PDB file of N, CA and C in Angstrom:
ATOM      1  N   MET A   1      -9.050   2.366 -19.093  1.00  0.00           N
ATOM      2  CA  MET A   1      -7.725   1.786 -18.986  1.00  0.00           C
ATOM      3  C   MET A   1      -7.364   1.704 -17.504  1.00  0.00           C
ATOM      4  N   ALA A   2      -6.905   0.537 -17.071  1.00  0.00           N
ATOM      5  CA  ALA A   2      -6.532   0.333 -15.673  1.00  0.00           C
ATOM      6  C   ALA A   2      -5.022   0.406 -15.515  1.00  0.00           C
ATOM      7  N   VAL A   3      -4.600   0.938 -14.386  1.00  0.00           N
ATOM      8  CA  VAL A   3      -3.189   1.011 -14.046  1.00  0.00           C
ATOM      9  C   VAL A   3      -3.015   0.396 -12.657  1.00  0.00           C
ATOM     10  N   CYS A   4      -1.920  -0.323 -12.466  1.00  0.00           N
ATOM     11  CA  CYS A   4      -1.593  -0.903 -11.161  1.00  0.00           C
ATOM     12  C   CYS A   4      -0.418  -0.140 -10.575  1.00  0.00           C
ATOM     13  N   ILE A   5      -0.610   0.320  -9.354  1.00  0.00           N
ATOM     14  CA  ILE A   5       0.398   1.124  -8.672  1.00  0.00           C
ATOM     15  C   ILE A   5       0.849   0.368  -7.431  1.00  0.00           C
ATOM     16  N   ARG A   6       2.157   0.205  -7.303  1.00  0.00           N
ATOM     17  CA  ARG A   6       2.711  -0.534  -6.170  1.00  0.00           C
ATOM     18  C   ARG A   6       3.250   0.415  -5.118  1.00  0.00           C
ATOM     19  N   GLY A   7       3.307  -0.085  -3.900  1.00  0.00           N
ATOM     20  CA  GLY A   7       3.883   0.678  -2.811  1.00  0.00           C
ATOM     21  C   GLY A   7       4.208  -0.212  -1.643  1.00  0.00           C
ATOM     22  N   ALA A   8       5.014   0.318  -0.730  1.00  0.00           N
ATOM     23  CA  ALA A   8       5.349  -0.398   0.496  1.00  0.00           C
ATOM     24  C   ALA A   8       5.829   0.601   1.535  1.00  0.00           C
ATOM     25  N   ILE A   9       5.682   0.210   2.787  1.00  0.00           N
ATOM     26  CA  ILE A   9       6.133   1.014   3.919  1.00  0.00           C
ATOM     27  C   ILE A   9       6.419   0.071   5.076  1.00  0.00           C
ATOM     28  N   THR A  10       7.287   0.488   5.961  1.00  0.00           N
ATOM     29  CA  THR A  10       7.557  -0.310   7.153  1.00  0.00           C
ATOM     30  C   THR A  10       6.936   0.363   8.371  1.00  0.00           C
ATOM     31  N   ALA A  11       6.561  -0.461   9.327  1.00  0.00           N
ATOM     32  CA  ALA A  11       6.048   0.010  10.615  1.00  0.00           C
ATOM     33  C   ALA A  11       7.151  -0.150  11.653  1.00  0.00           C
ATOM     34  N   ASP A  12       7.127   0.709  12.652  1.00  0.00           N
ATOM     35  CA  ASP A  12       8.118   0.604  13.718  1.00  0.00           C
ATOM     36  C   ASP A  12       7.719  -0.430  14.765  1.00  0.00           C
ATOM     37  N   LYS A  13       6.402  -0.563  14.978  1.00  0.00           N
ATOM     38  CA  LYS A  13       5.904  -1.466  16.016  1.00  0.00           C
ATOM     39  C   LYS A  13       4.683  -2.227  15.512  1.00  0.00           C
ATOM     40  N   ASN A  14       4.448  -3.373  16.092  1.00  0.00           N
ATOM     41  CA  ASN A  14       3.262  -4.164  15.794  1.00  0.00           C
ATOM     42  C   ASN A  14       2.133  -3.698  16.709  1.00  0.00           C
ATOM     43  N   GLU A  15       1.625  -2.498  16.405  1.00  0.00           N
ATOM     44  CA  GLU A  15       0.522  -1.919  17.161  1.00  0.00           C
ATOM     45  C   GLU A  15      -0.520  -1.416  16.183  1.00  0.00           C
ATOM     46  N   ARG A  16      -1.786  -1.549  16.561  1.00  0.00           N
ATOM     47  CA  ARG A  16      -2.909  -1.172  15.703  1.00  0.00           C
ATOM     48  C   ARG A  16      -2.735   0.229  15.110  1.00  0.00           C
ATOM     49  N   GLU A  17      -2.544   1.231  15.950  1.00  0.00           N
ATOM     50  CA  GLU A  17      -2.456   2.607  15.468  1.00  0.00           C
ATOM     51  C   GLU A  17      -1.253   2.836  14.569  1.00  0.00           C
ATOM     52  N   GLU A  18      -0.147   2.186  14.855  1.00  0.00           N
ATOM     53  CA  GLU A  18       1.050   2.305  14.017  1.00  0.00           C
ATOM     54  C   GLU A  18       0.789   1.728  12.626  1.00  0.00           C
ATOM     55  N   ILE A  19       0.192   0.561  12.561  1.00  0.00           N
ATOM     56  CA  ILE A  19      -0.108  -0.086  11.281  1.00  0.00           C
ATOM     57  C   ILE A  19      -1.086   0.776  10.471  1.00  0.00           C
ATOM     58  N   LEU A  20      -2.124   1.278  11.119  1.00  0.00           N
ATOM     59  CA  LEU A  20      -3.100   2.123  10.419  1.00  0.00           C
ATOM     60  C   LEU A  20      -2.468   3.424   9.946  1.00  0.00           C
ATOM     61  N   SER A  21      -1.671   4.051  10.795  1.00  0.00           N
ATOM     62  CA  SER A  21      -1.019   5.310  10.444  1.00  0.00           C
ATOM     63  C   SER A  21      -0.084   5.143   9.248  1.00  0.00           C
ATOM     64  N   LYS A  22       0.737   4.100   9.268  1.00  0.00           N
ATOM     65  CA  LYS A  22       1.686   3.871   8.177  1.00  0.00           C
ATOM     66  C   LYS A  22       0.958   3.512   6.889  1.00  0.00           C
ATOM     67  N   THR A  23      -0.103   2.724   7.002  1.00  0.00           N
ATOM     68  CA  THR A  23      -0.875   2.358   5.806  1.00  0.00           C
ATOM     69  C   THR A  23      -1.512   3.589   5.187  1.00  0.00           C
ATOM     70  N   LYS A  24      -2.079   4.456   6.017  1.00  0.00           N
ATOM     71  CA  LYS A  24      -2.673   5.698   5.510  1.00  0.00           C
ATOM     72  C   LYS A  24      -1.609   6.568   4.844  1.00  0.00           C
ATOM     73  N   GLU A  25      -0.456   6.694   5.464  1.00  0.00           N
ATOM     74  CA  GLU A  25       0.630   7.492   4.891  1.00  0.00           C
ATOM     75  C   GLU A  25       0.976   7.002   3.486  1.00  0.00           C
ATOM     76  N   MET A  26       1.095   5.678   3.346  1.00  0.00           N
ATOM     77  CA  MET A  26       1.439   5.099   2.053  1.00  0.00           C
ATOM     78  C   MET A  26       0.326   5.330   1.028  1.00  0.00           C
ATOM     79  N   LEU A  27      -0.914   5.054   1.403  1.00  0.00           N
ATOM     80  CA  LEU A  27      -2.030   5.221   0.472  1.00  0.00           C
ATOM     81  C   LEU A  27      -2.193   6.675   0.038  1.00  0.00           C
ATOM     82  N   LEU A  28      -2.104   7.598   0.980  1.00  0.00           N
ATOM     83  CA  LEU A  28      -2.252   9.017   0.643  1.00  0.00           C
ATOM     84  C   LEU A  28      -1.134   9.489  -0.273  1.00  0.00           C
ATOM     85  N   ALA A  29       0.074   8.963  -0.086  1.00  0.00           N
ATOM     86  CA  ALA A  29       1.183   9.313  -0.983  1.00  0.00           C
ATOM     87  C   ALA A  29       0.932   8.779  -2.390  1.00  0.00           C
ATOM     88  N   ILE A  30       0.423   7.566  -2.493  1.00  0.00           N
ATOM     89  CA  ILE A  30       0.100   6.983  -3.806  1.00  0.00           C
ATOM     90  C   ILE A  30      -0.988   7.815  -4.492  1.00  0.00           C
ATOM     91  N   ILE A  31      -2.020   8.166  -3.748  1.00  0.00           N
ATOM     92  CA  ILE A  31      -3.119   8.958  -4.305  1.00  0.00           C
ATOM     93  C   ILE A  31      -2.605  10.309  -4.790  1.00  0.00           C
ATOM     94  N   GLU A  32      -1.785  10.968  -3.980  1.00  0.00           N
ATOM     95  CA  GLU A  32      -1.266  12.289  -4.345  1.00  0.00           C
ATOM     96  C   GLU A  32      -0.332  12.225  -5.554  1.00  0.00           C
ATOM     97  N   LYS A  33       0.655  11.328  -5.516  1.00  0.00           N
ATOM     98  CA  LYS A  33       1.653  11.261  -6.589  1.00  0.00           C
ATOM     99  C   LYS A  33       1.043  10.850  -7.924  1.00  0.00           C
ATOM    100  N   ASN A  34      -0.074  10.118  -7.880  1.00  0.00           N
ATOM    101  CA  ASN A  34      -0.711   9.648  -9.106  1.00  0.00           C
ATOM    102  C   ASN A  34      -1.969  10.446  -9.459  1.00  0.00           C
ATOM    103  N   ASN A  35      -2.209  11.532  -8.722  1.00  0.00           N
ATOM    104  CA  ASN A  35      -3.380  12.387  -8.966  1.00  0.00           C
ATOM    105  C   ASN A  35      -4.671  11.581  -9.091  1.00  0.00           C
ATOM    106  N   LEU A  36      -4.894  10.697  -8.129  1.00  0.00           N
ATOM    107  CA  LEU A  36      -6.068   9.825  -8.159  1.00  0.00           C
ATOM    108  C   LEU A  36      -7.225  10.431  -7.385  1.00  0.00           C
ATOM    109  N   ASN A  37      -8.415  10.202  -7.876  1.00  0.00           N
ATOM    110  CA  ASN A  37      -9.641  10.432  -7.112  1.00  0.00           C
ATOM    111  C   ASN A  37     -10.021   9.088  -6.505  1.00  0.00           C
ATOM    112  N   LEU A  38     -10.592   9.091  -5.324  1.00  0.00           N
ATOM    113  CA  LEU A  38     -10.946   7.825  -4.675  1.00  0.00           C
ATOM    114  C   LEU A  38     -11.867   6.986  -5.552  1.00  0.00           C
ATOM    115  N   GLU A  39     -12.739   7.636  -6.328  1.00  0.00           N
ATOM    116  CA  GLU A  39     -13.689   6.905  -7.174  1.00  0.00           C
ATOM    117  C   GLU A  39     -12.989   6.134  -8.298  1.00  0.00           C
ATOM    118  N   GLU A  40     -11.761   6.522  -8.635  1.00  0.00           N
ATOM    119  CA  GLU A  40     -11.014   5.851  -9.704  1.00  0.00           C
ATOM    120  C   GLU A  40     -10.378   4.545  -9.227  1.00  0.00           C
ATOM    121  N   ILE A  41     -10.255   4.375  -7.923  1.00  0.00           N
ATOM    122  CA  ILE A  41      -9.614   3.175  -7.371  1.00  0.00           C
ATOM    123  C   ILE A  41     -10.638   2.051  -7.333  1.00  0.00           C
ATOM    124  N   THR A  42     -10.340   0.968  -8.064  1.00  0.00           N
ATOM    125  CA  THR A  42     -11.290  -0.144  -8.149  1.00  0.00           C
ATOM    126  C   THR A  42     -10.968  -1.271  -7.181  1.00  0.00           C
ATOM    127  N   SER A  43      -9.676  -1.468  -6.876  1.00  0.00           N
ATOM    128  CA  SER A  43      -9.313  -2.518  -5.918  1.00  0.00           C
ATOM    129  C   SER A  43      -7.956  -2.222  -5.311  1.00  0.00           C
ATOM    130  N   VAL A  44      -7.768  -2.760  -4.106  1.00  0.00           N
ATOM    131  CA  VAL A  44      -6.506  -2.611  -3.398  1.00  0.00           C
ATOM    132  C   VAL A  44      -6.178  -3.941  -2.741  1.00  0.00           C
ATOM    133  N   LEU A  45      -4.993  -4.453  -3.045  1.00  0.00           N
ATOM    134  CA  LEU A  45      -4.504  -5.691  -2.439  1.00  0.00           C
ATOM    135  C   LEU A  45      -3.375  -5.326  -1.485  1.00  0.00           C
ATOM    136  N   PHE A  46      -3.537  -5.692  -0.229  1.00  0.00           N
ATOM    137  CA  PHE A  46      -2.526  -5.454   0.787  1.00  0.00           C
ATOM    138  C   PHE A  46      -1.856  -6.760   1.168  1.00  0.00           C
ATOM    139  N   THR A  47      -0.551  -6.700   1.434  1.00  0.00           N
ATOM    140  CA  THR A  47       0.116  -7.797   2.120  1.00  0.00           C
ATOM    141  C   THR A  47       0.819  -7.210   3.333  1.00  0.00           C
ATOM    142  N   ALA A  48       0.985  -8.025   4.351  1.00  0.00           N
ATOM    143  CA  ALA A  48       1.737  -7.621   5.534  1.00  0.00           C
ATOM    144  C   ALA A  48       2.574  -8.809   5.974  1.00  0.00           C
ATOM    145  N   THR A  49       3.729  -8.515   6.501  1.00  0.00           N
ATOM    146  CA  THR A  49       4.578  -9.586   7.014  1.00  0.00           C
ATOM    147  C   THR A  49       3.939 -10.165   8.276  1.00  0.00           C
ATOM    148  N   SER A  50       4.315 -11.375   8.623  1.00  0.00           N
ATOM    149  CA  SER A  50       3.670 -12.092   9.725  1.00  0.00           C
ATOM    150  C   SER A  50       3.870 -11.430  11.083  1.00  0.00           C
ATOM    151  N   ASP A  51       4.813 -10.505  11.182  1.00  0.00           N
ATOM    152  CA  ASP A  51       5.045  -9.822  12.457  1.00  0.00           C
ATOM    153  C   ASP A  51       4.145  -8.594  12.636  1.00  0.00           C
ATOM    154  N   LEU A  52       3.240  -8.347  11.702  1.00  0.00           N
ATOM    155  CA  LEU A  52       2.237  -7.290  11.823  1.00  0.00           C
ATOM    156  C   LEU A  52       0.854  -7.942  11.840  1.00  0.00           C
ATOM    157  N   ASP A  53       0.323  -8.148  13.025  1.00  0.00           N
ATOM    158  CA  ASP A  53      -0.924  -8.902  13.126  1.00  0.00           C
ATOM    159  C   ASP A  53      -1.968  -8.279  14.057  1.00  0.00           C
ATOM    160  N   LYS A  54      -1.892  -6.976  14.266  1.00  0.00           N
ATOM    161  CA  LYS A  54      -2.833  -6.325  15.185  1.00  0.00           C
ATOM    162  C   LYS A  54      -4.070  -5.758  14.501  1.00  0.00           C
ATOM    163  N   VAL A  55      -4.016  -5.553  13.175  1.00  0.00           N
ATOM    164  CA  VAL A  55      -5.158  -4.997  12.442  1.00  0.00           C
ATOM    165  C   VAL A  55      -4.945  -5.245  10.946  1.00  0.00           C
ATOM    166  N   TYR A  56      -6.048  -5.350  10.224  1.00  0.00           N
ATOM    167  CA  TYR A  56      -5.973  -5.452   8.776  1.00  0.00           C
ATOM    168  C   TYR A  56      -5.615  -4.081   8.189  1.00  0.00           C
ATOM    169  N   PRO A  57      -4.642  -3.992   7.276  1.00  0.00           N
ATOM    170  CA  PRO A  57      -4.336  -2.709   6.641  1.00  0.00           C
ATOM    171  C   PRO A  57      -5.539  -2.104   5.907  1.00  0.00           C
ATOM    172  N   ALA A  58      -6.460  -2.930   5.453  1.00  0.00           N
ATOM    173  CA  ALA A  58      -7.642  -2.432   4.744  1.00  0.00           C
ATOM    174  C   ALA A  58      -8.492  -1.502   5.611  1.00  0.00           C
ATOM    175  N   VAL A  59      -8.419  -1.641   6.916  1.00  0.00           N
ATOM    176  CA  VAL A  59      -9.158  -0.749   7.809  1.00  0.00           C
ATOM    177  C   VAL A  59      -8.740   0.700   7.545  1.00  0.00           C
ATOM    178  N   ALA A  60      -7.443   0.925   7.322  1.00  0.00           N
ATOM    179  CA  ALA A  60      -6.939   2.275   7.041  1.00  0.00           C
ATOM    180  C   ALA A  60      -7.527   2.808   5.741  1.00  0.00           C
ATOM    181  N   ALA A  61      -7.672   1.958   4.748  1.00  0.00           N
ATOM    182  CA  ALA A  61      -8.248   2.393   3.470  1.00  0.00           C
ATOM    183  C   ALA A  61      -9.692   2.845   3.659  1.00  0.00           C
ATOM    184  N   ARG A  62     -10.451   2.108   4.418  1.00  0.00           N
ATOM    185  CA  ARG A  62     -11.837   2.498   4.683  1.00  0.00           C
ATOM    186  C   ARG A  62     -11.884   3.825   5.441  1.00  0.00           C
ATOM    187  N   GLU A  63     -10.946   4.005   6.382  1.00  0.00           N
ATOM    188  CA  GLU A  63     -10.919   5.223   7.191  1.00  0.00           C
ATOM    189  C   GLU A  63     -10.592   6.475   6.371  1.00  0.00           C
ATOM    190  N   ILE A  64      -9.884   6.326   5.248  1.00  0.00           N
ATOM    191  CA  ILE A  64      -9.608   7.509   4.409  1.00  0.00           C
ATOM    192  C   ILE A  64     -10.660   7.688   3.317  1.00  0.00           C
ATOM    193  N   GLY A  65     -11.675   6.828   3.307  1.00  0.00           N
ATOM    194  CA  GLY A  65     -12.782   7.016   2.378  1.00  0.00           C
ATOM    195  C   GLY A  65     -12.869   6.048   1.222  1.00  0.00           C
ATOM    196  N   LEU A  66     -12.012   5.051   1.181  1.00  0.00           N
ATOM    197  CA  LEU A  66     -12.097   4.037   0.115  1.00  0.00           C
ATOM    198  C   LEU A  66     -13.192   3.033   0.486  1.00  0.00           C
ATOM    199  N   THR A  67     -14.437   3.421   0.225  1.00  0.00           N
ATOM    200  CA  THR A  67     -15.569   2.598   0.643  1.00  0.00           C
ATOM    201  C   THR A  67     -16.174   1.780  -0.487  1.00  0.00           C
ATOM    202  N   GLU A  68     -15.856   2.119  -1.725  1.00  0.00           N
ATOM    203  CA  GLU A  68     -16.427   1.407  -2.871  1.00  0.00           C
ATOM    204  C   GLU A  68     -15.446   0.407  -3.490  1.00  0.00           C
ATOM    205  N   ALA A  69     -14.160   0.605  -3.277  1.00  0.00           N
ATOM    206  CA  ALA A  69     -13.148  -0.280  -3.872  1.00  0.00           C
ATOM    207  C   ALA A  69     -13.154  -1.642  -3.176  1.00  0.00           C
ATOM    208  N   ALA A  70     -12.832  -2.667  -3.945  1.00  0.00           N
ATOM    209  CA  ALA A  70     -12.660  -4.001  -3.378  1.00  0.00           C
ATOM    210  C   ALA A  70     -11.305  -4.043  -2.663  1.00  0.00           C
ATOM    211  N   LEU A  71     -11.307  -4.482  -1.408  1.00  0.00           N
ATOM    212  CA  LEU A  71     -10.082  -4.539  -0.618  1.00  0.00           C
ATOM    213  C   LEU A  71      -9.818  -5.971  -0.175  1.00  0.00           C
ATOM    214  N   MET A  72      -8.544  -6.353  -0.167  1.00  0.00           N
ATOM    215  CA  MET A  72      -8.179  -7.685   0.307  1.00  0.00           C
ATOM    216  C   MET A  72      -6.832  -7.612   1.009  1.00  0.00           C
ATOM    217  N   CYS A  73      -6.713  -8.350   2.097  1.00  0.00           N
ATOM    218  CA  CYS A  73      -5.462  -8.443   2.847  1.00  0.00           C
ATOM    219  C   CYS A  73      -5.000  -9.893   2.872  1.00  0.00           C
ATOM    220  N   VAL A  74      -3.714 -10.094   2.606  1.00  0.00           N
ATOM    221  CA  VAL A  74      -3.117 -11.428   2.685  1.00  0.00           C
ATOM    222  C   VAL A  74      -1.765 -11.311   3.372  1.00  0.00           C
ATOM    223  N   GLN A  75      -1.278 -12.441   3.858  1.00  0.00           N
ATOM    224  CA  GLN A  75       0.023 -12.436   4.505  1.00  0.00           C
ATOM    225  C   GLN A  75       1.125 -12.592   3.472  1.00  0.00           C
ATOM    226  N   GLU A  76       2.150 -11.753   3.601  1.00  0.00           N
ATOM    227  CA  GLU A  76       3.329 -11.813   2.729  1.00  0.00           C
ATOM    228  C   GLU A  76       4.059 -13.133   2.977  1.00  0.00           C
ATOM    229  N   LEU A  77       4.691 -13.682   1.958  1.00  0.00           N
ATOM    230  CA  LEU A  77       5.506 -14.872   2.140  1.00  0.00           C
ATOM    231  C   LEU A  77       6.585 -14.607   3.183  1.00  0.00           C
ATOM    232  N   ASN A  78       6.834 -15.572   4.029  1.00  0.00           N
ATOM    233  CA  ASN A  78       7.837 -15.441   5.077  1.00  0.00           C
ATOM    234  C   ASN A  78       9.161 -16.001   4.553  1.00  0.00           C
ATOM    235  N   ILE A  79       9.925 -15.141   3.898  1.00  0.00           N
ATOM    236  CA  ILE A  79      11.188 -15.537   3.281  1.00  0.00           C
ATOM    237  C   ILE A  79      12.336 -15.172   4.215  1.00  0.00           C
ATOM    238  N   GLU A  80      13.204 -16.107   4.453  1.00  0.00           N
ATOM    239  CA  GLU A  80      14.346 -15.872   5.333  1.00  0.00           C
ATOM    240  C   GLU A  80      15.143 -14.664   4.860  1.00  0.00           C
ATOM    241  N   GLY A  81      15.431 -13.751   5.784  1.00  0.00           N
ATOM    242  CA  GLY A  81      16.223 -12.572   5.472  1.00  0.00           C
ATOM    243  C   GLY A  81      15.457 -11.430   4.821  1.00  0.00           C
ATOM    244  N   SER A  82      14.143 -11.587   4.647  1.00  0.00           N
ATOM    245  CA  SER A  82      13.366 -10.532   3.992  1.00  0.00           C
ATOM    246  C   SER A  82      13.055  -9.393   4.965  1.00  0.00           C
ATOM    247  N   LEU A  83      12.614  -8.275   4.413  1.00  0.00           N
ATOM    248  CA  LEU A  83      12.284  -7.090   5.187  1.00  0.00           C
ATOM    249  C   LEU A  83      11.137  -7.400   6.149  1.00  0.00           C
ATOM    250  N   ARG A  84      11.299  -7.017   7.393  1.00  0.00           N
ATOM    251  CA  ARG A  84      10.292  -7.275   8.426  1.00  0.00           C
ATOM    252  C   ARG A  84       9.406  -6.048   8.632  1.00  0.00           C
ATOM    253  N   LYS A  85       8.283  -6.266   9.294  1.00  0.00           N
ATOM    254  CA  LYS A  85       7.308  -5.212   9.612  1.00  0.00           C
ATOM    255  C   LYS A  85       6.988  -4.361   8.375  1.00  0.00           C
ATOM    256  N   CYS A  86       6.679  -5.045   7.299  1.00  0.00           N
ATOM    257  CA  CYS A  86       6.452  -4.374   6.017  1.00  0.00           C
ATOM    258  C   CYS A  86       5.017  -4.583   5.531  1.00  0.00           C
ATOM    259  N   ILE A  87       4.416  -3.482   5.106  1.00  0.00           N
ATOM    260  CA  ILE A  87       3.090  -3.493   4.491  1.00  0.00           C
ATOM    261  C   ILE A  87       3.291  -3.148   3.025  1.00  0.00           C
ATOM    262  N   ARG A  88       2.782  -4.008   2.149  1.00  0.00           N
ATOM    263  CA  ARG A  88       2.885  -3.765   0.711  1.00  0.00           C
ATOM    264  C   ARG A  88       1.478  -3.588   0.155  1.00  0.00           C
ATOM    265  N   VAL A  89       1.396  -2.904  -0.977  1.00  0.00           N
ATOM    266  CA  VAL A  89       0.091  -2.648  -1.566  1.00  0.00           C
ATOM    267  C   VAL A  89       0.187  -2.663  -3.093  1.00  0.00           C
ATOM    268  N   MET A  90      -0.908  -3.070  -3.725  1.00  0.00           N
ATOM    269  CA  MET A  90      -1.083  -2.909  -5.164  1.00  0.00           C
ATOM    270  C   MET A  90      -2.462  -2.283  -5.364  1.00  0.00           C
ATOM    271  N   VAL A  91      -2.459  -1.056  -5.862  1.00  0.00           N
ATOM    272  CA  VAL A  91      -3.684  -0.297  -6.100  1.00  0.00           C
ATOM    273  C   VAL A  91      -4.005  -0.373  -7.583  1.00  0.00           C
ATOM    274  N   THR A  92      -5.222  -0.765  -7.912  1.00  0.00           N
ATOM    275  CA  THR A  92      -5.679  -0.766  -9.301  1.00  0.00           C
ATOM    276  C   THR A  92      -6.650   0.394  -9.469  1.00  0.00           C
ATOM    277  N   ALA A  93      -6.365   1.230 -10.473  1.00  0.00           N
ATOM    278  CA  ALA A  93      -7.192   2.414 -10.694  1.00  0.00           C
ATOM    279  C   ALA A  93      -7.537   2.558 -12.168  1.00  0.00           C
ATOM    280  N   GLU A  94      -8.739   3.023 -12.415  1.00  0.00           N
ATOM    281  CA  GLU A  94      -9.218   3.343 -13.770  1.00  0.00           C
ATOM    282  C   GLU A  94      -9.104   4.850 -13.936  1.00  0.00           C
ATOM    283  N   ASN A  95      -7.927   5.304 -14.380  1.00  0.00           N
ATOM    284  CA  ASN A  95      -7.722   6.751 -14.476  1.00  0.00           C
ATOM    285  C   ASN A  95      -7.216   7.200 -15.845  1.00  0.00           C
ATOM    286  N   GLY A  96      -7.262   6.316 -16.827  1.00  0.00           N
ATOM    287  CA  GLY A  96      -6.863   6.687 -18.175  1.00  0.00           C
ATOM    288  C   GLY A  96      -5.358   6.775 -18.406  1.00  0.00           C
ATOM    289  N   LYS A  97      -4.565   6.432 -17.406  1.00  0.00           N
ATOM    290  CA  LYS A  97      -3.106   6.490 -17.545  1.00  0.00           C
ATOM    291  C   LYS A  97      -2.577   5.108 -17.950  1.00  0.00           C
ATOM    292  N   THR A  98      -1.394   5.123 -18.523  1.00  0.00           N
ATOM    293  CA  THR A  98      -0.748   3.869 -18.892  1.00  0.00           C
ATOM    294  C   THR A  98       0.074   3.351 -17.719  1.00  0.00           C
ATOM    295  N   GLN A  99       0.425   2.088 -17.767  1.00  0.00           N
ATOM    296  CA  GLN A  99       1.234   1.504 -16.705  1.00  0.00           C
ATOM    297  C   GLN A  99       2.575   2.233 -16.576  1.00  0.00           C
ATOM    298  N   LYS A 100       3.115   2.675 -17.682  1.00  0.00           N
ATOM    299  CA  LYS A 100       4.391   3.387 -17.663  1.00  0.00           C
ATOM    300  C   LYS A 100       4.301   4.702 -16.881  1.00  0.00           C
ATOM    301  N   GLU A 101       3.111   5.277 -16.800  1.00  0.00           N
ATOM    302  CA  GLU A 101       2.910   6.542 -16.092  1.00  0.00           C
ATOM    303  C   GLU A 101       2.698   6.367 -14.583  1.00  0.00           C
ATOM    304  N   ALA A 102       2.545   5.139 -14.127  1.00  0.00           N
ATOM    305  CA  ALA A 102       2.313   4.885 -12.697  1.00  0.00           C
ATOM    306  C   ALA A 102       3.512   5.333 -11.873  1.00  0.00           C
ATOM    307  N   LYS A 103       3.223   5.977 -10.761  1.00  0.00           N
ATOM    308  CA  LYS A 103       4.272   6.421  -9.837  1.00  0.00           C
ATOM    309  C   LYS A 103       4.176   5.571  -8.573  1.00  0.00           C
ATOM    310  N   HIS A 104       5.079   4.616  -8.457  1.00  0.00           N
ATOM    311  CA  HIS A 104       5.106   3.707  -7.321  1.00  0.00           C
ATOM    312  C   HIS A 104       5.730   4.416  -6.120  1.00  0.00           C
ATOM    313  N   VAL A 105       5.307   4.030  -4.917  1.00  0.00           N
ATOM    314  CA  VAL A 105       5.710   4.737  -3.703  1.00  0.00           C
ATOM    315  C   VAL A 105       6.274   3.740  -2.688  1.00  0.00           C
ATOM    316  N   TYR A 106       7.526   3.933  -2.328  1.00  0.00           N
ATOM    317  CA  TYR A 106       8.183   3.100  -1.321  1.00  0.00           C
ATOM    318  C   TYR A 106       8.724   4.025  -0.233  1.00  0.00           C
ATOM    319  N   LEU A 107       8.240   3.841   0.990  1.00  0.00           N
ATOM    320  CA  LEU A 107       8.546   4.745   2.089  1.00  0.00           C
ATOM    321  C   LEU A 107       9.215   4.018   3.251  1.00  0.00           C
ATOM    322  N   GLY A 108       9.861   4.798   4.117  1.00  0.00           N
ATOM    323  CA  GLY A 108      10.504   4.234   5.300  1.00  0.00           C
ATOM    324  C   GLY A 108      11.541   3.195   4.916  1.00  0.00           C
ATOM    325  N   GLY A 109      11.610   2.146   5.701  1.00  0.00           N
ATOM    326  CA  GLY A 109      12.567   1.073   5.445  1.00  0.00           C
ATOM    327  C   GLY A 109      12.306   0.323   4.153  1.00  0.00           C
ATOM    328  N   ALA A 110      11.115   0.482   3.592  1.00  0.00           N
ATOM    329  CA  ALA A 110      10.759  -0.216   2.333  1.00  0.00           C
ATOM    330  C   ALA A 110      11.447   0.393   1.116  1.00  0.00           C
ATOM    331  N   LYS A 111      12.089   1.534   1.285  1.00  0.00           N
ATOM    332  CA  LYS A 111      12.811   2.148   0.157  1.00  0.00           C
ATOM    333  C   LYS A 111      13.860   1.197  -0.419  1.00  0.00           C
ATOM    334  N   ILE A 112      14.388   0.296   0.417  1.00  0.00           N
ATOM    335  CA  ILE A 112      15.426  -0.643  -0.054  1.00  0.00           C
ATOM    336  C   ILE A 112      14.871  -1.645  -1.057  1.00  0.00           C
ATOM    337  N   LEU A 113      13.538  -1.821  -1.082  1.00  0.00           N
ATOM    338  CA  LEU A 113      12.943  -2.775  -2.025  1.00  0.00           C
ATOM    339  C   LEU A 113      13.012  -2.284  -3.466  1.00  0.00           C
ATOM    340  N   ARG A 114      13.039  -0.961  -3.648  1.00  0.00           N
ATOM    341  CA  ARG A 114      13.066  -0.384  -4.999  1.00  0.00           C
ATOM    342  C   ARG A 114      14.058   0.774  -5.037  1.00  0.00           C
ATOM    343  N   PRO A 115      15.360   0.480  -5.003  1.00  0.00           N
ATOM    344  CA  PRO A 115      16.350   1.560  -5.032  1.00  0.00           C
ATOM    345  C   PRO A 115      16.341   2.337  -6.344  1.00  0.00           C
ATOM    346  N   ASP A 116      15.680   1.801  -7.370  1.00  0.00           N
ATOM    347  CA  ASP A 116      15.594   2.480  -8.659  1.00  0.00           C
ATOM    348  C   ASP A 116      14.586   3.627  -8.654  1.00  0.00           C
ATOM    349  N   ILE A 117      13.735   3.686  -7.617  1.00  0.00           N
ATOM    350  CA  ILE A 117      12.722   4.745  -7.518  1.00  0.00           C
ATOM    351  C   ILE A 117      13.243   5.814  -6.566  1.00  0.00           C
ATOM    352  N   LYS A 118      13.324   7.023  -7.057  1.00  0.00           N
ATOM    353  CA  LYS A 118      13.808   8.150  -6.238  1.00  0.00           C
ATOM    354  C   LYS A 118      12.651   8.824  -5.551  1.00  0.00           C
TER     355      LYS A 118
END
């Protein structure tokens, strides 16, 4: 059974290390809150706003050991008035849990995207 887990985080600056650090923070929080083993993660889709262009967020996933999962990065739609410097993710994992059991993670300025999640 596959579950999709969503998350997002904002970066303070458009710098390589900042983007990687924030992406790792978000991924590690998703892994911890959902009790995931890296081997259970089958794919990760990243989006980033157009103002974050110094590195692919997928580099951070490889750096924490996600070497077998399929990774893809795409640019977030540029919608007027939308949250800037934002990295979003959708993690697909085969961990036997239902979609209702997924614990989505929204950190930093991205918390405003899902005020229903505490």
